[in-house]
C-alpha atoms as a PDB file:
ATOM      1  CA  UNK A   1     -27.215 -65.906  14.411  1.00  0.00           C
ATOM      2  CA  UNK A   2     -26.072 -62.996  14.791  1.00  0.00           C
ATOM      3  CA  UNK A   3     -28.106 -61.453  11.712  1.00  0.00           C
ATOM      4  CA  UNK A   4     -30.851 -62.713  13.723  1.00  0.00           C
ATOM      5  CA  UNK A   5     -30.378 -61.212  17.063  1.00  0.00           C
ATOM      6  CA  UNK A   6     -30.120 -58.060  15.828  1.00  0.00           C
ATOM      7  CA  UNK A   7     -32.532 -57.954  13.483  1.00  0.00           C
ATOM      8  CA  UNK A   8     -34.519 -59.010  16.245  1.00  0.00           C
ATOM      9  CA  UNK A   9     -33.287 -55.993  18.661  1.00  0.00           C
ATOM     10  CA  UNK A  10     -33.990 -53.535  15.686  1.00  0.00           C
ATOM     11  CA  UNK A  11     -37.871 -54.559  15.435  1.00  0.00           C
ATOM     12  CA  UNK A  12     -38.171 -54.067  19.164  1.00  0.00           C
ATOM     13  CA  UNK A  13     -36.451 -50.718  19.164  1.00  0.00           C
ATOM     14  CA  UNK A  14     -39.214 -49.887  15.914  1.00  0.00           C
ATOM     15  CA  UNK A  15     -42.090 -51.373  18.187  1.00  0.00           C
ATOM     16  CA  UNK A  16     -41.257 -49.736  21.626  1.00  0.00           C
ATOM     17  CA  UNK A  17     -41.215 -45.829  19.750  1.00  0.00           C
ATOM     18  CA  UNK A  18     -37.750 -44.288  18.519  1.00  0.00           C
ATOM     19  CA  UNK A  19     -38.089 -40.717  18.573  1.00  0.00           C
ATOM     20  CA  UNK A  20     -35.396 -38.510  16.282  1.00  0.00           C
ATOM     21  CA  UNK A  21     -34.709 -35.491  18.196  1.00  0.00           C
ATOM     22  CA  UNK A  22     -34.700 -31.795  16.615  1.00  0.00           C
ATOM     23  CA  UNK A  23     -32.946 -29.482  18.557  1.00  0.00           C
ATOM     24  CA  UNK A  24     -33.854 -25.833  18.322  1.00  0.00           C
ATOM     25  CA  UNK A  25     -36.671 -26.667  15.776  1.00  0.00           C
ATOM     26  CA  UNK A  26     -40.323 -25.506  15.902  1.00  0.00           C
ATOM     27  CA  UNK A  27     -43.632 -27.407  14.388  1.00  0.00           C
ATOM     28  CA  UNK A  28     -46.691 -25.712  14.403  1.00  0.00           C
ATOM     29  CA  UNK A  29     -50.186 -27.310  15.248  1.00  0.00           C
ATOM     30  CA  UNK A  30     -50.070 -28.255  18.641  1.00  0.00           C
ATOM     31  CA  UNK A  31     -52.198 -32.014  19.226  1.00  0.00           C
ATOM     32  CA  UNK A  32     -53.246 -31.273  22.790  1.00  0.00           C
ATOM     33  CA  UNK A  33     -54.598 -33.748  24.649  1.00  0.00           C
ATOM     34  CA  UNK A  34     -55.687 -31.456  27.531  1.00  0.00           C
ATOM     35  CA  UNK A  35     -53.141 -32.705  29.732  1.00  0.00           C
ATOM     36  CA  UNK A  36     -49.851 -30.940  30.929  1.00  0.00           C
ATOM     37  CA  UNK A  37     -47.403 -32.862  31.138  1.00  0.00           C
ATOM     38  CA  UNK A  38     -44.366 -33.113  33.353  1.00  0.00           C
ATOM     39  CA  UNK A  39     -41.223 -34.004  31.425  1.00  0.00           C
ATOM     40  CA  UNK A  40     -40.594 -35.590  28.110  1.00  0.00           C
ATOM     41  CA  UNK A  41     -40.864 -39.300  29.071  1.00  0.00           C
ATOM     42  CA  UNK A  42     -44.205 -38.976  30.048  1.00  0.00           C
ATOM     43  CA  UNK A  43     -45.757 -37.079  26.623  1.00  0.00           C
ATOM     44  CA  UNK A  44     -43.873 -39.776  24.958  1.00  0.00           C
ATOM     45  CA  UNK A  45     -45.401 -42.498  26.664  1.00  0.00           C
ATOM     46  CA  UNK A  46     -48.848 -40.546  26.039  1.00  0.00           C
ATOM     47  CA  UNK A  47     -47.706 -40.110  22.305  1.00  0.00           C
ATOM     48  CA  UNK A  48     -47.104 -43.616  21.971  1.00  0.00           C
ATOM     49  CA  UNK A  49     -50.940 -44.309  23.038  1.00  0.00           C
ATOM     50  CA  UNK A  50     -52.423 -42.215  20.185  1.00  0.00           C
ATOM     51  CA  UNK A  51     -52.310 -42.674  16.009  1.00  0.00           C
ATOM     52  CA  UNK A  52     -52.644 -38.867  15.385  1.00  0.00           C
ATOM     53  CA  UNK A  53     -49.537 -38.137  17.548  1.00  0.00           C
ATOM     54  CA  UNK A  54     -46.401 -37.143  15.598  1.00  0.00           C
ATOM     55  CA  UNK A  55     -43.846 -36.297  18.284  1.00  0.00           C
ATOM     56  CA  UNK A  56     -43.202 -33.919  21.195  1.00  0.00           C
ATOM     57  CA  UNK A  57     -42.321 -30.603  21.366  1.00  0.00           C
ATOM     58  CA  UNK A  58     -40.831 -29.508  24.597  1.00  0.00           C
ATOM     59  CA  UNK A  59     -41.045 -24.979  24.510  1.00  0.00           C
ATOM     60  CA  UNK A  60     -38.814 -23.510  27.072  1.00  0.00           C
ATOM     61  CA  UNK A  61     -41.371 -21.364  28.744  1.00  0.00           C
ATOM     62  CA  UNK A  62     -42.597 -22.443  32.016  1.00  0.00           C
ATOM     63  CA  UNK A  63     -46.372 -24.071  31.826  1.00  0.00           C
ATOM     64  CA  UNK A  64     -48.629 -21.899  33.952  1.00  0.00           C
ATOM     65  CA  UNK A  65     -52.235 -23.084  34.258  1.00  0.00           C
ATOM     66  CA  UNK A  66     -53.145 -19.783  33.881  1.00  0.00           C
ATOM     67  CA  UNK A  67     -51.746 -16.536  32.132  1.00  0.00           C
ATOM     68  CA  UNK A  68     -49.807 -14.721  34.679  1.00  0.00           C
ATOM     69  CA  UNK A  69     -49.789 -17.436  37.059  1.00  0.00           C
ATOM     70  CA  UNK A  70     -47.405 -19.228  39.080  1.00  0.00           C
ATOM     71  CA  UNK A  71     -45.260 -21.590  36.998  1.00  0.00           C
ATOM     72  CA  UNK A  72     -46.335 -25.512  37.238  1.00  0.00           C
ATOM     73  CA  UNK A  73     -43.478 -27.117  35.480  1.00  0.00           C
ATOM     74  CA  UNK A  74     -39.908 -25.345  34.176  1.00  0.00           C
ATOM     75  CA  UNK A  75     -41.306 -25.974  30.441  1.00  0.00           C
ATOM     76  CA  UNK A  76     -44.446 -25.942  28.538  1.00  0.00           C
ATOM     77  CA  UNK A  77     -44.363 -29.978  26.853  1.00  0.00           C
ATOM     78  CA  UNK A  78     -47.085 -31.013  24.630  1.00  0.00           C
ATOM     79  CA  UNK A  79     -47.844 -33.324  21.853  1.00  0.00           C
ATOM     80  CA  UNK A  80     -47.629 -32.613  17.750  1.00  0.00           C
ATOM     81  CA  UNK A  81     -50.111 -33.575  14.985  1.00  0.00           C
ATOM     82  CA  UNK A  82     -48.877 -36.176  13.161  1.00  0.00           C
ATOM     83  CA  UNK A  83     -49.685 -34.514   9.824  1.00  0.00           C
ATOM     84  CA  UNK A  84     -48.136 -31.252  11.025  1.00  0.00           C
ATOM     85  CA  UNK A  85     -44.706 -32.973  11.382  1.00  0.00           C
ATOM     86  CA  UNK A  86     -44.721 -34.029   7.981  1.00  0.00           C
ATOM     87  CA  UNK A  87     -44.613 -30.038   7.268  1.00  0.00           C
ATOM     88  CA  UNK A  88     -41.371 -28.228   6.944  1.00  0.00           C
ATOM     89  CA  UNK A  89     -40.061 -26.976  10.208  1.00  0.00           C
ATOM     90  CA  UNK A  90     -38.613 -24.257  11.431  1.00  0.00           C
ATOM     91  CA  UNK A  91     -35.397 -22.702  13.626  1.00  0.00           C
ATOM     92  CA  UNK A  92     -36.082 -21.606  16.840  1.00  0.00           C
ATOM     93  CA  UNK A  93     -34.126 -21.410  20.197  1.00  0.00           C
ATOM     94  CA  UNK A  94     -36.920 -21.999  22.548  1.00  0.00           C
ATOM     95  CA  UNK A  95     -38.037 -25.412  21.263  1.00  0.00           C
ATOM     96  CA  UNK A  96     -36.476 -28.618  20.567  1.00  0.00           C
ATOM     97  CA  UNK A  97     -39.035 -31.706  19.265  1.00  0.00           C
ATOM     98  CA  UNK A  98     -38.438 -35.079  19.345  1.00  0.00           C
ATOM     99  CA  UNK A  99     -40.606 -36.900  16.247  1.00  0.00           C
ATOM    100  CA  UNK A 100     -41.673 -40.145  15.679  1.00  0.00           C
ATOM    101  CA  UNK A 101     -38.973 -41.821  13.508  1.00  0.00           C
END
């Protein structure tokens, strides 16, 4: 019985969209839908509904709608293309990534 419960918990977690955290990691190749995300959870929700999305990246630079304009969000959060997540990432202090596991 415990094995059945454990299996169900694992399957529910996988179907809900698990993400692995990649601290200080940069992936090139943005997959921007034209939408700015206020937080990581909103970006993950958008990524879960998109087959071409491989994860979410957070840039520590504030998001601005216009170059030199006022900051709209404290960080720039965007989606990553699934094909580019498969490539080798590089380290960068500015970025954190949350990729689909």
